[in-house]
């Protein structure tokens, strides 16, 4: 990723970084494209939010540069407020449009709530930056105030009372999670990444509480609730163990036994009963029946097990190379790290083609396993804690500057979010024709193919660098070309995909996201699939 000093605020006369301006130009291109497609009062709110986030981003950058931020953020990147601020609002807008086209008023309103919630948490992050900036940036305060008035006025006349309360609940949860997790996990996030990750967790937690309080006799398929319970449960588990291990040494056998026993108690005594209350079914029996319902699922599970074994062998092989190396600081090269991108592509494509329900559940289970293993590594839980620390340290890069190693979790999230985020009722009745038929493949295209090819070809053959970055023109062009070839292969092997002459929009979407990959300093495994998802859904 690009390393550069964060730019100062415009009021102080400090120069603006060209790479940050280019990143902002790409984000504005996406915002204006969605605005042109939707063209309603909510899209005007998104434009106003983007303008104020652009100005406030420089305040966050100056705070990071001067070390004046309240918490310790990741320093190898800019604040990333603008690209992160627009994800939830734009996602809500395109979700509203698609669910309206599918004739589903419930999820249409849900999309509006997602957009309003994203605007609320983004605006809170902007106000926080302005409040702690000295001297107070007058021009930016005026712009933020005008944008805030526009957004508040439109949302006040658009949201129902219950929806307003829901937005405020998410905002309250977001504030508390920021204070707790940013204190416990210094240097793990930029302000933009914290907004994106913690905003998403806050929304999921509020949804889980809401659905638990309004439980009815027929709650639908458990697949609709596994993700909510897993994400919220794993976050709460981390907070609980952080509290306990603040008073005891986590590296002892007694603490490790306590960790494993408490994990069993939380899973068997809290998570499974919670799932039972939501679904009115035994979660374990349902999961076993779900996994082995068809032969295709059995074949997919066996195939995925082989890929997981191969990934473990790659890690062990790299560890053996380090043991035999004279250098104690041996690190896996970039190309080796990209092996895992190829593995996840080989994992997700058959799942998308043959059984997206199974892929949805498998990705959820993998997320729980990854987070649990990260807890084991972070707290040095025996017997695997020290081994995981040694193995995963091989694949660190500059983005893993905090106490947690998150890049592999971000990779899983980036590939899975296009499968998780779009409500299934809104994908029926042919509402995902044209470019929208590629929505489930957004993670595969943006991260599995695009980012991987750009990294490999850019680092080996690239010579012409994009201004202000370490990324190369050759890497970006080969990335776009590889994604186009991938789309052609998808059309050949997936009979359900029919893009209906949407070639220009697909090419524009892929090119725009590839340019974002060239200029952004945020976690591209997380950001790129979301922007490609938004563009394809529009």
Protein backbone atom coordinates (compact mmCIF):
# COMPACT_ATOMS: atom_id res chain seq x y z
CA UNK A 1 0.00 0.00 0.00
CA UNK A 2 1.07 3.61 -0.50
CA UNK A 3 2.99 5.34 2.28
CA UNK A 4 2.77 9.10 2.37
CA UNK A 5 2.33 11.87 4.88
CA UNK A 6 -1.29 12.77 5.45
CA UNK A 7 -2.24 16.16 4.01
CA UNK A 8 -3.09 19.13 6.18
CA UNK A 9 -6.35 21.02 6.30
CA UNK A 10 -7.14 23.36 3.43
CA UNK A 11 -7.53 26.31 5.83
CA UNK A 12 -3.87 26.07 6.87
CA UNK A 13 -2.55 26.21 3.31
CA UNK A 14 -0.96 22.74 3.49
CA UNK A 15 -0.58 20.96 0.14
CA UNK A 16 -3.11 18.35 -0.83
CA UNK A 17 -1.84 14.87 -1.64
CA UNK A 18 -2.40 13.94 -5.28
CA UNK A 19 -3.19 10.33 -4.41
CA UNK A 20 -5.85 11.41 -1.92
CA UNK A 21 -7.40 13.74 -4.50
CA UNK A 22 -7.40 10.93 -7.07
CA UNK A 23 -9.05 8.57 -4.57
CA UNK A 24 -11.66 11.23 -3.82
CA UNK A 25 -12.28 11.73 -7.57
CA UNK A 26 -12.97 8.00 -7.98
CA UNK A 27 -15.35 7.98 -5.00
CA UNK A 28 -17.19 11.04 -6.33
CA UNK A 29 -17.50 9.31 -9.71
CA UNK A 30 -19.22 6.40 -7.98
CA UNK A 31 -21.49 8.68 -5.94
CA UNK A 32 -22.54 10.70 -9.00
CA UNK A 33 -23.13 7.50 -11.00
CA UNK A 34 -25.48 6.17 -8.33
CA UNK A 35 -27.12 9.60 -8.07
CA UNK A 36 -27.72 9.64 -11.82
CA UNK A 37 -29.35 6.20 -11.67
CA UNK A 38 -31.47 6.76 -8.54
CA UNK A 39 -32.06 10.53 -8.71
CA UNK A 40 -34.23 11.02 -5.62
CA UNK A 41 -33.99 12.94 -2.35
CA UNK A 42 -31.90 10.21 -0.74
CA UNK A 43 -29.31 10.34 -3.51
CA UNK A 44 -29.07 14.11 -3.03
CA UNK A 45 -28.32 13.39 0.64
CA UNK A 46 -25.54 11.05 -0.46
CA UNK A 47 -24.02 13.79 -2.63
CA UNK A 48 -24.16 16.27 0.28
CA UNK A 49 -22.57 13.70 2.59
CA UNK A 50 -19.75 13.06 0.11
CA UNK A 51 -18.95 16.79 -0.15
CA UNK A 52 -18.71 17.27 3.61
CA UNK A 53 -16.78 13.99 4.09
CA UNK A 54 -14.24 15.19 1.49
CA UNK A 55 -13.55 18.33 3.50
CA UNK A 56 -13.54 16.61 6.88
CA UNK A 57 -11.17 13.88 5.65
CA UNK A 58 -8.34 16.42 5.65
CA UNK A 59 -9.07 17.26 9.29
CA UNK A 60 -8.72 13.61 10.21
CA UNK A 61 -5.51 13.42 8.17
CA UNK A 62 -4.06 16.38 10.03
CA UNK A 63 -5.00 14.86 13.39
CA UNK A 64 -3.22 11.64 12.43
CA UNK A 65 -0.18 13.54 11.19
CA UNK A 66 0.11 15.57 14.39
CA UNK A 67 -0.73 12.66 16.70
CA UNK A 68 -3.73 14.58 18.07
CA UNK A 69 -6.38 11.91 17.49
CA UNK A 70 -8.15 10.58 20.57
CA UNK A 71 -7.23 6.96 19.78
CA UNK A 72 -4.22 5.35 18.10
CA UNK A 73 -5.06 4.66 14.46
CA UNK A 74 -3.13 2.82 11.75
CA UNK A 75 -0.51 5.26 10.50
CA UNK A 76 0.49 3.74 7.15
CA UNK A 77 -2.59 5.18 5.44
CA UNK A 78 -4.69 8.32 5.28
CA UNK A 79 -7.88 8.59 7.31
CA UNK A 80 -10.06 7.14 4.55
CA UNK A 81 -13.16 8.94 5.79
CA UNK A 82 -14.61 9.72 2.35
CA UNK A 83 -14.56 6.20 0.81
CA UNK A 84 -15.72 4.60 4.06
CA UNK A 85 -18.48 7.16 4.66
CA UNK A 86 -20.19 6.42 1.36
CA UNK A 87 -20.42 2.63 1.57
CA UNK A 88 -23.49 2.21 3.79
CA UNK A 89 -25.49 5.11 2.30
CA UNK A 90 -24.87 3.96 -1.28
CA UNK A 91 -25.54 0.34 -0.36
CA UNK A 92 -28.85 1.36 1.20
CA UNK A 93 -29.80 3.35 -1.91
CA UNK A 94 -29.19 0.52 -4.36
CA UNK A 95 -30.87 -1.96 -2.01
CA UNK A 96 -33.93 0.29 -1.88
CA UNK A 97 -34.06 0.52 -5.66
CA UNK A 98 -33.73 -3.23 -6.22
CA UNK A 99 -36.27 -4.15 -3.56
CA UNK A 100 -38.70 -1.58 -4.94
CA UNK A 101 -38.27 -3.15 -8.40
CA UNK A 102 -38.91 -6.58 -6.87
CA UNK A 103 -42.11 -5.32 -5.22
CA UNK A 104 -40.91 -5.88 -1.65
CA UNK A 105 -41.91 -2.84 0.45
CA UNK A 106 -40.43 -4.25 3.70
CA UNK A 107 -36.89 -4.45 2.34
CA UNK A 108 -37.38 -1.20 0.43
CA UNK A 109 -37.89 0.52 3.79
CA UNK A 110 -34.98 -1.52 5.16
CA UNK A 111 -32.74 -0.05 2.45
CA UNK A 112 -33.78 3.47 3.45
CA UNK A 113 -32.91 2.67 7.08
CA UNK A 114 -29.50 1.33 6.00
CA UNK A 115 -28.82 4.54 4.05
CA UNK A 116 -29.96 6.76 6.93
CA UNK A 117 -27.90 4.79 9.44
CA UNK A 118 -24.80 5.04 7.27
CA UNK A 119 -25.26 8.79 6.99
CA UNK A 120 -25.71 9.11 10.76
CA UNK A 121 -22.54 7.23 11.74
CA UNK A 122 -20.53 8.96 8.99
CA UNK A 123 -21.71 12.37 10.12
CA UNK A 124 -20.85 11.49 13.73
CA UNK A 125 -17.27 10.65 12.69
CA UNK A 126 -17.08 14.00 10.87
CA UNK A 127 -18.35 15.95 13.88
CA UNK A 128 -15.87 14.12 16.12
CA UNK A 129 -12.95 15.17 13.90
CA UNK A 130 -14.13 18.78 13.74
CA UNK A 131 -14.65 18.92 17.51
CA UNK A 132 -11.06 18.00 18.34
CA UNK A 133 -9.35 19.98 15.55
CA UNK A 134 -7.52 23.09 16.70
CA UNK A 135 -7.90 25.75 15.47
CA UNK A 136 -11.51 25.10 14.64
CA UNK A 137 -11.82 24.84 10.80
CA UNK A 138 -14.51 27.44 10.10
CA UNK A 139 -15.10 26.73 6.40
CA UNK A 140 -15.37 22.99 6.93
CA UNK A 141 -17.74 23.49 9.87
CA UNK A 142 -20.02 25.59 7.66
CA UNK A 143 -20.01 22.96 4.89
CA UNK A 144 -20.65 20.13 7.37
CA UNK A 145 -23.42 22.14 9.01
CA UNK A 146 -25.18 22.76 5.69
CA UNK A 147 -24.85 19.10 4.68
CA UNK A 148 -26.10 18.01 8.10
CA UNK A 149 -29.13 20.28 7.83
CA UNK A 150 -30.02 18.91 4.38
CA UNK A 151 -29.67 15.29 5.50
CA UNK A 152 -31.57 15.85 8.76
CA UNK A 153 -34.43 17.69 7.04
CA UNK A 154 -34.90 15.05 4.34
CA UNK A 155 -34.64 12.12 6.74
CA UNK A 156 -37.01 13.77 9.21
CA UNK A 157 -39.71 13.85 6.52
CA UNK A 158 -38.88 10.37 5.17
CA UNK A 159 -38.41 8.08 8.17
CA UNK A 160 -41.12 6.78 10.43
CA UNK A 161 -40.82 7.24 14.20
CA UNK A 162 -39.71 3.63 14.71
CA UNK A 163 -37.09 3.97 11.98
CA UNK A 164 -35.71 7.16 13.55
CA UNK A 165 -35.40 5.33 16.87
CA UNK A 166 -33.64 2.45 15.10
CA UNK A 167 -31.09 4.82 13.52
CA UNK A 168 -30.42 6.47 16.90
CA UNK A 169 -29.99 3.06 18.54
CA UNK A 170 -27.36 2.07 15.99
CA UNK A 171 -25.59 5.40 16.48
CA UNK A 172 -25.53 4.88 20.26
CA UNK A 173 -24.10 1.36 19.88
CA UNK A 174 -21.54 2.72 17.40
CA UNK A 175 -20.36 5.36 19.87
CA UNK A 176 -19.85 2.82 22.66
CA UNK A 177 -18.13 0.29 20.38
CA UNK A 178 -15.76 3.00 19.18
CA UNK A 179 -14.78 3.93 22.73
CA UNK A 180 -14.25 0.31 23.76
CA UNK A 181 -12.72 -1.39 20.72
CA UNK A 182 -10.48 1.48 19.59
CA UNK A 183 -9.06 1.60 23.12
CA UNK A 184 -8.52 -2.17 23.26
CA UNK A 185 -7.16 -2.42 19.69
CA UNK A 186 -4.76 0.48 19.00
CA UNK A 187 -3.35 0.87 15.46
CA UNK A 188 -5.69 -1.78 14.01
CA UNK A 189 -7.89 0.64 12.05
CA UNK A 190 -7.84 3.94 10.24
CA UNK A 191 -10.78 6.24 11.10
CA UNK A 192 -12.48 5.15 7.87
CA UNK A 193 -11.94 1.44 8.53
CA UNK A 194 -13.26 1.87 12.07
CA UNK A 195 -16.34 3.61 10.69
CA UNK A 196 -16.94 0.83 8.18
CA UNK A 197 -16.27 -2.17 10.44
CA UNK A 198 -17.74 -0.88 13.69
CA UNK A 199 -20.69 0.71 11.88
CA UNK A 200 -21.51 -2.66 10.32
CA UNK A 201 -21.19 -4.49 13.66
CA UNK A 202 -23.40 -1.88 15.35
CA UNK A 203 -26.08 -2.33 12.72
CA UNK A 204 -25.99 -6.12 13.04
CA UNK A 205 -26.18 -5.94 16.83
CA UNK A 206 -29.21 -3.66 16.65
CA UNK A 207 -30.89 -5.96 14.11
CA UNK A 208 -30.31 -8.98 16.35
CA UNK A 209 -31.78 -7.19 19.37
CA UNK A 210 -34.75 -5.98 17.32
CA UNK A 211 -35.52 -9.43 15.93
CA UNK A 212 -35.06 -11.10 19.32
CA UNK A 213 -37.59 -8.73 20.90
CA UNK A 214 -40.14 -9.18 18.10
CA UNK A 215 -39.86 -12.97 17.82
CA UNK A 216 -42.92 -14.72 16.38
CA UNK A 217 -43.92 -18.33 15.94
CA UNK A 218 -42.75 -18.67 12.33
CA UNK A 219 -39.35 -17.03 12.01
CA UNK A 220 -38.14 -18.42 8.69
CA UNK A 221 -35.00 -20.32 7.81
CA UNK A 222 -32.15 -20.37 10.38
CA UNK A 223 -29.76 -19.34 7.59
CA UNK A 224 -31.24 -15.85 7.98
CA UNK A 225 -30.04 -15.61 11.59
CA UNK A 226 -26.76 -17.53 11.76
CA UNK A 227 -24.72 -14.57 10.50
CA UNK A 228 -26.28 -12.14 13.01
CA UNK A 229 -25.65 -14.44 15.97
CA UNK A 230 -22.12 -15.38 14.84
CA UNK A 231 -20.89 -11.80 14.33
CA UNK A 232 -22.46 -10.39 17.48
CA UNK A 233 -21.53 -13.46 19.53
CA UNK A 234 -17.87 -13.37 18.49
CA UNK A 235 -17.57 -9.63 19.24
CA UNK A 236 -19.16 -10.08 22.67
CA UNK A 237 -16.88 -13.07 23.31
CA UNK A 238 -13.84 -10.92 22.58
CA UNK A 239 -15.05 -8.18 24.94
CA UNK A 240 -15.71 -10.73 27.71
CA UNK A 241 -12.28 -12.36 27.41
CA UNK A 242 -10.56 -8.97 27.23
CA UNK A 243 -12.21 -8.06 30.53
CA UNK A 244 -11.19 -11.34 32.20
CA UNK A 245 -7.63 -11.37 30.92
CA UNK A 246 -7.06 -7.81 32.11
CA UNK A 247 -6.79 -9.37 35.60
CA UNK A 248 -5.01 -12.66 34.78
CA UNK A 249 -2.18 -13.94 32.62
CA UNK A 250 -3.80 -15.51 29.52
CA UNK A 251 -0.70 -17.55 28.69
CA UNK A 252 -1.00 -20.03 31.56
CA UNK A 253 -2.65 -23.44 31.37
CA UNK A 254 -5.24 -22.39 33.97
CA UNK A 255 -6.25 -19.37 31.88
CA UNK A 256 -6.32 -21.50 28.72
CA UNK A 257 -8.61 -24.09 30.33
CA UNK A 258 -10.83 -21.24 31.55
CA UNK A 259 -10.91 -19.82 27.99
CA UNK A 260 -12.02 -23.11 26.44
CA UNK A 261 -14.61 -23.79 29.15
CA UNK A 262 -16.07 -20.28 28.83
CA UNK A 263 -16.19 -20.69 25.05
CA UNK A 264 -18.26 -23.87 25.48
CA UNK A 265 -20.54 -22.11 27.96
CA UNK A 266 -21.08 -19.14 25.65
CA UNK A 267 -21.72 -21.32 22.59
CA UNK A 268 -23.89 -23.99 24.22
CA UNK A 269 -25.52 -21.79 26.84
CA UNK A 270 -26.03 -18.53 24.98
CA UNK A 271 -25.59 -18.71 21.20
CA UNK A 272 -27.49 -21.96 20.52
CA UNK A 273 -30.46 -21.07 22.80
CA UNK A 274 -30.55 -17.65 21.16
CA UNK A 275 -30.71 -19.27 17.73
CA UNK A 276 -33.42 -21.62 18.95
CA UNK A 277 -35.49 -18.67 20.17
CA UNK A 278 -35.12 -16.95 16.80
CA UNK A 279 -35.80 -19.98 14.60
CA UNK A 280 -37.88 -22.35 16.77
CA UNK A 281 -35.59 -25.17 15.60
CA UNK A 282 -32.66 -27.05 17.08
CA UNK A 283 -29.70 -25.25 15.41
CA UNK A 284 -27.32 -28.23 15.46
CA UNK A 285 -29.82 -30.70 14.01
CA UNK A 286 -30.90 -28.18 11.40
CA UNK A 287 -27.27 -27.51 10.44
CA UNK A 288 -26.50 -31.21 9.99
CA UNK A 289 -29.61 -31.70 7.85
CA UNK A 290 -28.77 -28.57 5.86
CA UNK A 291 -25.17 -29.59 5.12
CA UNK A 292 -25.98 -33.10 3.90
CA UNK A 293 -29.32 -32.44 2.19
CA UNK A 294 -28.06 -33.05 -1.37
CA UNK A 295 -25.16 -34.84 -3.04
CA UNK A 296 -23.91 -31.57 -4.51
CA UNK A 297 -23.46 -30.20 -1.00
CA UNK A 298 -21.49 -33.26 0.05
CA UNK A 299 -19.25 -32.92 -3.01
CA UNK A 300 -18.74 -29.21 -2.34
CA UNK A 301 -17.86 -29.82 1.30
CA UNK A 302 -15.32 -32.49 0.32
CA UNK A 303 -13.81 -30.17 -2.32
CA UNK A 304 -13.58 -27.28 0.14
CA UNK A 305 -11.93 -29.56 2.70
CA UNK A 306 -9.21 -30.39 0.16
CA UNK A 307 -8.64 -26.68 -0.52
CA UNK A 308 -8.44 -25.94 3.21
CA UNK A 309 -5.87 -28.73 3.58
CA UNK A 310 -3.84 -27.27 0.73
CA UNK A 311 -3.91 -23.81 2.37
CA UNK A 312 -2.64 -25.30 5.64
CA UNK A 313 0.16 -27.07 3.75
CA UNK A 314 1.21 -23.74 2.16
CA UNK A 315 1.46 -22.18 5.62
CA UNK A 316 3.46 -25.13 7.00
CA UNK A 317 5.77 -25.10 3.96
CA UNK A 318 6.50 -21.41 4.39
CA UNK A 319 7.18 -21.98 8.08
CA UNK A 320 9.64 -24.77 7.19
CA UNK A 321 11.40 -22.39 4.77
CA UNK A 322 11.73 -19.82 7.55
CA UNK A 323 13.18 -22.45 9.88
CA UNK A 324 15.82 -23.33 7.30
CA UNK A 325 16.50 -19.71 6.37
CA UNK A 326 19.47 -17.90 7.87
CA UNK A 327 17.41 -14.73 8.24
CA UNK A 328 15.24 -14.59 11.34
CA UNK A 329 12.97 -12.05 9.64
CA UNK A 330 11.95 -14.25 6.74
CA UNK A 331 8.58 -13.15 5.35
CA UNK A 332 6.41 -14.80 2.74
CA UNK A 333 6.68 -12.89 -0.56
CA UNK A 334 3.70 -11.08 -2.05
CA UNK A 335 3.12 -13.77 -4.68
CA UNK A 336 2.97 -16.45 -1.97
CA UNK A 337 0.38 -14.44 -0.02
CA UNK A 338 -1.70 -14.21 -3.20
CA UNK A 339 -1.90 -18.02 -3.30
CA UNK A 340 -4.66 -17.66 -0.73
CA UNK A 341 -6.56 -15.36 -3.08
CA UNK A 342 -6.49 -18.09 -5.74
CA UNK A 343 -7.64 -20.62 -3.15
CA UNK A 344 -10.65 -18.53 -2.14
CA UNK A 345 -11.53 -17.94 -5.80
CA UNK A 346 -11.49 -21.71 -6.33
CA UNK A 347 -13.66 -22.00 -3.21
CA UNK A 348 -16.29 -19.37 -4.00
CA UNK A 349 -16.94 -19.85 -7.70
CA UNK A 350 -18.35 -23.42 -7.42
CA UNK A 351 -20.36 -22.34 -4.38
CA UNK A 352 -21.91 -19.39 -6.24
CA UNK A 353 -22.73 -21.53 -9.26
CA UNK A 354 -24.11 -24.63 -7.55
CA UNK A 355 -25.37 -23.68 -4.06
CA UNK A 356 -25.28 -20.11 -2.74
CA UNK A 357 -27.18 -21.11 0.43
CA UNK A 358 -24.43 -23.56 1.35
CA UNK A 359 -21.76 -20.97 0.54
CA UNK A 360 -23.58 -18.45 2.77
CA UNK A 361 -23.49 -20.88 5.71
CA UNK A 362 -19.96 -22.11 5.05
CA UNK A 363 -18.61 -18.56 4.94
CA UNK A 364 -20.40 -17.77 8.20
CA UNK A 365 -18.87 -20.80 9.92
CA UNK A 366 -15.42 -19.92 8.52
CA UNK A 367 -15.78 -16.38 9.86
CA UNK A 368 -16.49 -17.77 13.35
CA UNK A 369 -13.49 -20.11 13.11
CA UNK A 370 -11.15 -17.34 11.90
CA UNK A 371 -12.16 -14.97 14.69
CA UNK A 372 -11.90 -17.73 17.31
CA UNK A 373 -8.39 -18.66 16.12
CA UNK A 374 -7.40 -14.99 16.22
CA UNK A 375 -8.54 -14.86 19.86
CA UNK A 376 -6.44 -17.96 20.55
CA UNK A 377 -3.41 -16.31 18.91
CA UNK A 378 -3.95 -12.88 20.48
CA UNK A 379 -4.45 -14.17 24.04
CA UNK A 380 -1.72 -16.86 23.59
CA UNK A 381 -4.17 -19.60 24.54
CA UNK A 382 -2.55 -23.01 24.87
CA UNK A 383 -1.89 -25.33 23.13
CA UNK A 384 -2.16 -23.45 19.78
CA UNK A 385 -1.60 -19.80 20.72
CA UNK A 386 2.18 -19.59 20.31
CA UNK A 387 2.12 -21.82 17.21
CA UNK A 388 -0.43 -19.55 15.51
CA UNK A 389 1.64 -16.50 16.40
CA UNK A 390 4.66 -18.03 14.70
CA UNK A 391 2.80 -19.25 11.61
CA UNK A 392 0.75 -16.12 10.93
CA UNK A 393 3.69 -13.77 11.47
CA UNK A 394 5.00 -15.07 8.12
CA UNK A 395 2.17 -13.36 6.25
CA UNK A 396 2.13 -9.97 7.98
CA UNK A 397 2.18 -6.80 5.95
CA UNK A 398 2.15 -3.12 6.91
CA UNK A 399 -1.62 -3.13 7.39
CA UNK A 400 -1.24 -5.48 10.37
CA UNK A 401 0.39 -2.82 12.54
CA UNK A 402 -1.81 -3.39 15.60
CA UNK A 403 -2.15 -6.30 18.02
CA UNK A 404 -4.61 -8.16 15.76
CA UNK A 405 -3.90 -9.86 12.42
CA UNK A 406 -6.96 -9.03 10.33
CA UNK A 407 -5.98 -9.32 6.66
CA UNK A 408 -7.16 -12.94 6.30
CA UNK A 409 -10.46 -12.04 8.01
CA UNK A 410 -10.85 -9.05 5.67
CA UNK A 411 -10.22 -11.36 2.71
CA UNK A 412 -13.02 -13.66 3.87
CA UNK A 413 -15.33 -10.69 4.44
CA UNK A 414 -14.60 -9.18 1.05
CA UNK A 415 -15.43 -12.42 -0.74
CA UNK A 416 -18.54 -13.08 1.38
CA UNK A 417 -20.22 -9.69 1.71
CA UNK A 418 -21.80 -9.79 -1.79
CA UNK A 419 -23.39 -13.11 -0.76
CA UNK A 420 -24.49 -11.90 2.67
CA UNK A 421 -25.73 -8.37 2.05
CA UNK A 422 -28.40 -8.58 -0.64
CA UNK A 423 -31.82 -9.66 0.73
CA UNK A 424 -32.90 -12.83 -1.04
CA UNK A 425 -36.51 -11.67 -1.59
CA UNK A 426 -35.10 -8.81 -3.66
CA UNK A 427 -33.21 -11.17 -5.97
CA UNK A 428 -36.34 -12.91 -7.14
CA UNK A 429 -38.65 -12.09 -10.04
CA UNK A 430 -35.68 -11.40 -12.34
CA UNK A 431 -34.67 -8.22 -10.49
CA UNK A 432 -30.99 -9.18 -10.80
CA UNK A 433 -30.80 -9.21 -14.57
CA UNK A 434 -28.13 -7.40 -16.56
CA UNK A 435 -25.02 -6.29 -14.67
CA UNK A 436 -26.82 -7.13 -11.42
CA UNK A 437 -26.51 -10.82 -12.25
CA UNK A 438 -22.79 -10.47 -11.42
CA UNK A 439 -23.47 -9.17 -7.90
CA UNK A 440 -22.60 -12.49 -6.15
CA UNK A 441 -19.29 -12.46 -8.02
CA UNK A 442 -18.30 -8.94 -6.86
CA UNK A 443 -15.85 -10.27 -4.27
CA UNK A 444 -14.37 -12.81 -6.68
CA UNK A 445 -13.84 -10.16 -9.36
CA UNK A 446 -12.59 -7.28 -7.20
CA UNK A 447 -10.39 -9.16 -4.72
CA UNK A 448 -9.89 -12.70 -5.94
CA UNK A 449 -9.01 -11.71 -9.50
CA UNK A 450 -8.48 -7.94 -9.75
CA UNK A 451 -6.42 -7.23 -6.64
CA UNK A 452 -4.39 -10.44 -7.07
CA UNK A 453 -3.48 -9.83 -10.71
CA UNK A 454 -2.72 -6.14 -10.05
CA UNK A 455 -0.39 -7.06 -7.21
CA UNK A 456 1.46 -9.83 -9.06
CA UNK A 457 1.89 -8.10 -12.42
CA UNK A 458 2.45 -4.68 -10.88
CA UNK A 459 5.25 -5.94 -8.61
CA UNK A 460 6.96 -8.05 -11.29
CA UNK A 461 6.52 -6.14 -14.55
CA UNK A 462 5.18 -2.70 -13.64
CA UNK A 463 7.30 0.33 -14.50
CA UNK A 464 4.89 3.28 -14.90
CA UNK A 465 3.59 4.31 -11.47
CA UNK A 466 0.36 6.14 -10.80
CA UNK A 467 1.23 9.62 -9.44
CA UNK A 468 1.75 9.61 -5.68
CA UNK A 469 1.48 5.84 -5.25
CA UNK A 470 3.52 2.64 -5.50
CA UNK A 471 0.85 1.08 -7.72
CA UNK A 472 1.61 0.75 -11.43
CA UNK A 473 -0.31 1.44 -14.60
CA UNK A 474 0.54 -2.06 -15.91
CA UNK A 475 -0.87 -3.68 -12.77
CA UNK A 476 -4.17 -1.78 -13.07
CA UNK A 477 -4.57 -2.52 -16.78
CA UNK A 478 -3.88 -6.23 -16.37
CA UNK A 479 -6.30 -6.25 -13.44
CA UNK A 480 -9.09 -4.81 -15.62
CA UNK A 481 -8.29 -7.22 -18.43
CA UNK A 482 -8.27 -10.23 -16.06
CA UNK A 483 -11.66 -9.26 -14.63
CA UNK A 484 -13.15 -8.93 -18.12
CA UNK A 485 -11.85 -12.40 -18.99
CA UNK A 486 -13.33 -13.67 -15.72
CA UNK A 487 -16.73 -12.21 -16.61
CA UNK A 488 -16.57 -14.02 -19.97
CA UNK A 489 -15.77 -17.30 -18.19
CA UNK A 490 -18.63 -16.74 -15.76
CA UNK A 491 -21.01 -16.32 -18.70
CA UNK A 492 -19.77 -19.63 -20.12
CA UNK A 493 -19.97 -21.71 -16.95
CA UNK A 494 -22.90 -20.12 -15.07
CA UNK A 495 -26.12 -20.46 -17.06
CA UNK A 496 -28.00 -18.29 -14.56
CA UNK A 497 -26.02 -15.18 -15.51
CA UNK A 498 -27.41 -13.06 -18.33
CA UNK A 499 -25.94 -9.57 -18.51
CA UNK A 500 -28.41 -8.37 -21.20
CA UNK A 501 -26.04 -6.13 -23.15
CA UNK A 502 -24.83 -4.32 -19.99
CA UNK A 503 -21.25 -4.47 -21.22
CA UNK A 504 -20.50 -0.76 -20.94
CA UNK A 505 -21.72 -0.51 -17.33
CA UNK A 506 -19.78 -3.63 -16.32
CA UNK A 507 -16.59 -2.36 -17.95
CA UNK A 508 -17.03 1.06 -16.33
CA UNK A 509 -17.68 -0.48 -12.91
CA UNK A 510 -14.63 -2.75 -13.10
CA UNK A 511 -12.41 0.09 -14.34
CA UNK A 512 -13.60 2.48 -11.61
CA UNK A 513 -12.99 -0.03 -8.82
CA UNK A 514 -9.57 -0.89 -10.28
CA UNK A 515 -8.64 2.80 -10.16
CA UNK A 516 -9.82 2.90 -6.55
CA UNK A 517 -7.51 -0.05 -5.83
CA UNK A 518 -4.62 1.90 -7.34
CA UNK A 519 -5.11 4.96 -5.16
CA UNK A 520 -6.71 3.90 -1.88
CA UNK A 521 -4.62 3.22 1.21
CA UNK A 522 -7.48 1.55 3.04
CA UNK A 523 -8.01 -2.21 3.36
CA UNK A 524 -8.71 -3.06 -0.28
CA UNK A 525 -9.90 -6.59 0.56
CA UNK A 526 -12.88 -4.98 2.29
CA UNK A 527 -13.45 -1.76 0.35
CA UNK A 528 -13.21 -2.89 -3.28
CA UNK A 529 -15.90 -5.63 -3.23
CA UNK A 530 -18.34 -3.25 -1.57
CA UNK A 531 -17.87 -0.57 -4.23
CA UNK A 532 -18.12 -3.09 -7.06
CA UNK A 533 -21.24 -4.54 -5.43
CA UNK A 534 -22.80 -1.07 -5.26
CA UNK A 535 -22.03 -0.28 -8.89
CA UNK A 536 -23.27 -3.63 -10.20
CA UNK A 537 -26.48 -3.38 -8.15
CA UNK A 538 -27.20 0.08 -9.55
